[in-house]
Amino acid sequence: SRRRHTRCSGVSWARRCVQETGQKPGSEEGILITFDFQTLHKEKCKGIDDPDSPQSDYETWSPNSSATSKCLLGHELTFVRRKRESTCYNGEDFERPRFVQDCECTEDDWECDIGYERQGDGPCQLSKGQTTSTDPPEICQDYYYISSGYRKVAGDTCQGGVRHESLRLPCPGTTIFSRNFKAVIFIGLLFGLIVLFKNQILDGIDKIKGKVSG
C-alpha cells in the first residue's frame, strides 16, 4: 500500500511503499517485512550547543511561540529541536535540551478565589450572597491570612509584576507594640538579674578581703 510520510515537520512530503503483514499465496505461513530507514538520514546532527545559528542543525522552539506572549502558566518554556530542513538524525543518545524561565506576573496569572467572581474584565468581587470575615482562627500565632479575592492559577510560576497576595493580619495580642513591650520587660528583667548577681559577687569579694586583712 502507498502511504505518505514527512521527515521535516511538513515542509515536504514523500511517498514510500509499506508491505503489510499477510500470508503467502496458497499457504498459511505468515510474512512480515521490516524496512530500515536509517539510510534516509546519512549524517548525525551537529550544533546542539548553538541552536538557531546557520551552522547548527537545531533551532529553539516554544509551544506558545505563535501567541502574543510566550509566557504560559507564568513561565516561558523553550525546547531545542532539529530544524525542519535538516536531513540529519539525532542519534540514540540524544537528550532534548529544555529551558524554563519565569515571567513577570500579569492579570492572566490570577483567577478569582472561591466565593469571588469577575464582572466582565473587572476585578474579582464577592459573589452575590457571599460574605467574608476577618476574624482570626482559634489557633493564631503572630499572623493570619485572609483572601484578597484572588489566587494564582494552579501550576503558575510567575514572579513579581501584578500581585494579589492574601492579606496578612496580626493575631490579637501580637501587635508590634505588645511584642516590643514584652521585649522591653524581658531585657529589663535580664539587666536586673545581672546587676543583682554583680552586687552579690562584689559583696563576697569585699568580705573575703576583710577576712584576709584582719
Protein backbone atom coordinates (compact mmCIF):
# COMPACT_ATOMS: atom_id res chain seq x y z
CA SER A 1 0.00 0.00 0.00
CA ARG A 2 1.07 3.62 -0.56
CA ARG A 3 1.50 5.91 2.45
CA ARG A 4 2.71 9.49 2.75
CA HIS A 5 5.24 10.48 5.36
CA THR A 6 7.31 13.52 6.27
CA ARG A 7 10.70 13.79 7.94
CA CYS A 8 10.85 17.61 8.09
CA SER A 9 7.71 18.64 10.02
CA GLY A 10 5.56 19.07 6.93
CA VAL A 11 7.97 21.13 4.81
CA SER A 12 7.81 18.43 2.18
CA TRP A 13 6.09 15.09 1.79
CA ALA A 14 7.24 11.87 0.18
CA ARG A 15 5.73 8.53 -0.68
CA ARG A 16 7.04 5.17 0.40
CA CYS A 17 5.86 1.62 -0.10
CA VAL A 18 4.91 -0.34 3.01
CA GLN A 19 4.36 -4.06 2.78
CA GLU A 20 1.50 -5.10 5.01
CA THR A 21 1.65 -8.31 7.00
CA GLY A 22 -0.13 -11.21 5.39
CA GLN A 23 0.24 -14.77 4.17
CA LYS A 24 1.99 -16.39 1.27
CA PRO A 25 -0.34 -17.40 -1.56
CA GLY A 26 -1.62 -20.90 -1.02
CA SER A 27 -0.01 -21.17 2.39
CA GLU A 28 -0.91 -20.42 5.97
CA GLU A 29 2.59 -19.18 6.67
CA GLY A 30 2.65 -15.52 7.65
CA ILE A 31 5.08 -12.93 6.34
CA LEU A 32 6.42 -9.71 7.87
CA ILE A 33 8.82 -7.35 6.12
CA THR A 34 10.82 -4.80 8.14
CA PHE A 35 12.12 -1.65 6.45
CA ASP A 36 15.29 0.03 7.73
CA PHE A 37 15.01 3.80 7.17
CA GLN A 38 18.42 4.62 8.65
CA THR A 39 19.79 5.43 5.20
CA LEU A 40 17.31 8.33 4.92
CA HIS A 41 19.45 10.25 7.45
CA LYS A 42 23.07 9.77 6.49
CA GLU A 43 24.65 12.26 8.92
CA LYS A 44 24.31 12.83 12.64
CA CYS A 45 23.02 16.27 13.56
CA LYS A 46 25.52 18.81 14.88
CA GLY A 47 25.41 22.14 16.68
CA ILE A 48 23.22 21.17 19.64
CA ASP A 49 25.07 23.72 21.82
CA ASP A 50 24.49 26.58 19.36
CA PRO A 51 20.89 26.33 18.14
CA ASP A 52 19.49 28.89 15.67
CA SER A 53 22.95 29.54 14.22
CA PRO A 54 23.42 28.94 10.46
CA GLN A 55 25.96 26.18 11.16
CA SER A 56 23.66 24.29 13.55
CA ASP A 57 21.12 21.66 12.61
CA TYR A 58 18.99 22.72 15.58
CA GLU A 59 16.64 25.55 16.44
CA THR A 60 14.80 26.75 19.54
CA TRP A 61 11.04 26.37 19.69
CA SER A 62 8.35 27.34 22.19
CA PRO A 63 4.89 25.70 22.40
CA ASN A 64 3.43 29.19 22.80
CA SER A 65 5.56 30.90 20.14
CA SER A 66 2.57 31.77 17.93
CA ALA A 67 0.79 33.71 20.71
CA THR A 68 1.28 37.37 21.62
CA SER A 69 3.13 36.38 24.80
CA LYS A 70 5.50 33.43 25.01
CA CYS A 71 4.63 33.01 28.69
CA LEU A 72 2.36 30.12 29.59
CA LEU A 73 1.40 29.47 33.23
CA GLY A 74 3.87 32.10 34.35
CA HIS A 75 6.95 30.82 32.56
CA GLU A 76 8.47 30.60 29.13
CA LEU A 77 9.27 27.07 28.04
CA THR A 78 11.75 26.63 25.21
CA PHE A 79 12.86 23.39 23.56
CA VAL A 80 15.70 22.66 21.18
CA ARG A 81 14.63 20.64 18.15
CA ARG A 82 16.06 19.68 14.78
CA LYS A 83 15.49 22.22 12.03
CA ARG A 84 12.77 21.15 9.66
CA GLU A 85 15.03 21.46 6.63
CA SER A 86 17.84 19.40 8.20
CA THR A 87 18.02 15.80 6.98
CA CYS A 88 20.32 14.53 9.72
CA TYR A 89 19.40 12.26 12.63
CA ASN A 90 19.62 12.85 16.40
CA GLY A 91 21.13 9.58 17.50
CA GLU A 92 20.13 7.22 20.28
CA ASP A 93 21.96 9.19 22.99
CA PHE A 94 20.20 12.46 22.13
CA GLU A 95 18.67 14.30 25.11
CA ARG A 96 16.44 17.20 24.15
CA PRO A 97 17.53 20.42 25.97
CA ARG A 98 14.76 22.37 27.67
CA PHE A 99 14.90 25.85 29.20
CA VAL A 100 12.41 27.30 31.69
CA GLN A 101 12.35 30.98 32.65
CA ASP A 102 9.77 32.53 34.99
CA CYS A 103 7.84 35.51 33.65
CA GLU A 104 6.53 38.62 35.38
CA CYS A 105 3.01 38.15 36.71
CA THR A 106 0.08 39.68 34.83
CA GLU A 107 -3.67 39.62 35.45
CA ASP A 108 -3.84 36.45 33.34
CA ASP A 109 -1.85 34.60 36.03
CA TRP A 110 -4.58 35.17 38.63
CA GLU A 111 -8.09 33.82 38.99
CA CYS A 112 -10.90 34.59 41.41
CA ASP A 113 -10.78 32.76 44.72
CA ILE A 114 -13.68 30.65 45.99
CA GLY A 115 -16.67 32.90 46.71
CA TYR A 116 -15.48 35.61 44.32
CA GLU A 117 -16.25 36.33 40.66
CA ARG A 118 -15.44 38.83 37.95
CA GLN A 119 -17.91 41.11 36.26
CA GLY A 120 -16.59 41.20 32.70
CA ASP A 121 -12.96 42.32 32.75
CA GLY A 122 -13.31 43.93 36.16
CA PRO A 123 -11.71 42.90 39.46
CA CYS A 124 -12.70 39.86 41.49
CA GLN A 125 -15.55 40.72 43.87
CA LEU A 126 -17.63 38.79 46.37
CA SER A 127 -20.29 36.71 44.69
CA LYS A 128 -23.87 37.54 45.45
CA GLY A 129 -24.89 36.18 48.83
CA GLN A 130 -21.30 35.56 49.92
CA THR A 131 -19.73 37.16 52.98
CA THR A 132 -16.17 37.43 54.21
CA SER A 133 -14.79 37.51 57.72
CA THR A 134 -11.61 38.97 59.16
CA ASP A 135 -11.89 37.05 62.44
CA PRO A 136 -8.68 35.24 63.41
CA PRO A 137 -8.59 31.44 63.68
CA GLU A 138 -8.85 29.73 67.06
CA ILE A 139 -5.15 28.89 66.97
CA CYS A 140 -3.34 32.05 65.92
CA GLN A 141 0.39 32.68 66.10
CA ASP A 142 1.88 36.02 65.06
CA TYR A 143 -0.13 36.49 61.86
CA TYR A 144 -3.08 35.05 59.95
CA TYR A 145 -4.18 35.48 56.35
CA ILE A 146 -7.47 36.25 54.62
CA SER A 147 -8.17 36.05 50.91
CA SER A 148 -7.84 39.18 48.80
CA GLY A 149 -10.32 37.67 46.35
CA TYR A 150 -7.64 36.21 44.11
CA ARG A 151 -5.49 33.12 43.86
CA LYS A 152 -2.72 32.22 41.46
CA VAL A 153 -3.68 29.82 38.67
CA ALA A 154 -2.72 26.25 39.61
CA GLY A 155 0.78 25.45 38.36
CA ASP A 156 1.60 29.10 37.62
CA THR A 157 5.18 30.07 38.50
CA CYS A 158 5.27 33.80 37.65
CA GLN A 159 7.26 36.18 39.84
CA GLY A 160 6.77 39.89 40.70
CA GLY A 161 4.62 42.08 38.49
CA VAL A 162 0.89 42.12 39.31
CA ARG A 163 0.37 40.89 42.87
CA HIS A 164 -2.85 39.81 44.56
CA GLU A 165 -1.39 38.17 47.64
CA SER A 166 -3.53 37.26 50.63
CA LEU A 167 -3.90 39.95 53.29
CA ARG A 168 -1.73 39.41 56.37
CA LEU A 169 -3.21 40.49 59.70
CA PRO A 170 -1.61 40.34 63.17
CA CYS A 171 -3.08 37.93 65.67
CA PRO A 172 -4.78 39.53 68.69
CA GLY A 173 -2.19 40.37 71.35
CA THR A 174 0.72 40.15 68.92
CA THR A 175 0.80 43.73 67.65
CA ILE A 176 4.09 45.49 67.19
CA PHE A 177 3.53 47.45 70.42
CA SER A 178 2.77 44.38 72.52
CA ARG A 179 5.77 42.49 71.11
CA ASN A 180 8.10 45.41 71.78
CA PHE A 181 6.65 45.83 75.26
CA LYS A 182 7.33 42.18 76.03
CA ALA A 183 10.86 42.57 74.73
CA VAL A 184 11.44 45.60 76.96
CA ILE A 185 10.19 43.68 80.01
CA PHE A 186 12.45 40.73 79.21
CA ILE A 187 15.52 42.94 78.73
CA GLY A 188 14.73 44.82 81.95
CA LEU A 189 14.47 41.60 83.95
CA LEU A 190 17.68 40.30 82.43
CA PHE A 191 19.51 43.53 83.25
CA GLY A 192 18.17 43.45 86.83
CA LEU A 193 19.42 39.89 87.33
CA ILE A 194 22.85 40.84 86.02
CA VAL A 195 23.06 43.80 88.44
CA LEU A 196 21.89 41.63 91.35
CA PHE A 197 24.46 38.92 90.70
CA LYS A 198 27.16 41.54 90.21
CA ASN A 199 26.40 43.15 93.57
CA GLN A 200 26.41 39.78 95.30
CA ILE A 201 29.78 38.91 93.78
CA LEU A 202 31.26 42.27 94.80
CA ASP A 203 29.95 41.85 98.36
CA GLY A 204 31.52 38.40 98.52
CA ILE A 205 34.86 39.77 97.35
CA ASP A 206 34.76 42.55 99.96
CA LYS A 207 34.06 40.06 102.76
CA ILE A 208 36.99 37.87 101.64
CA LYS A 209 39.30 40.88 101.56
CA GLY A 210 38.17 41.88 105.11
CA LYS A 211 38.91 38.46 106.50
CA VAL A 212 42.34 38.40 104.85
CA SER A 213 43.33 41.85 106.11
CA GLY A 214 42.02 41.07 109.61
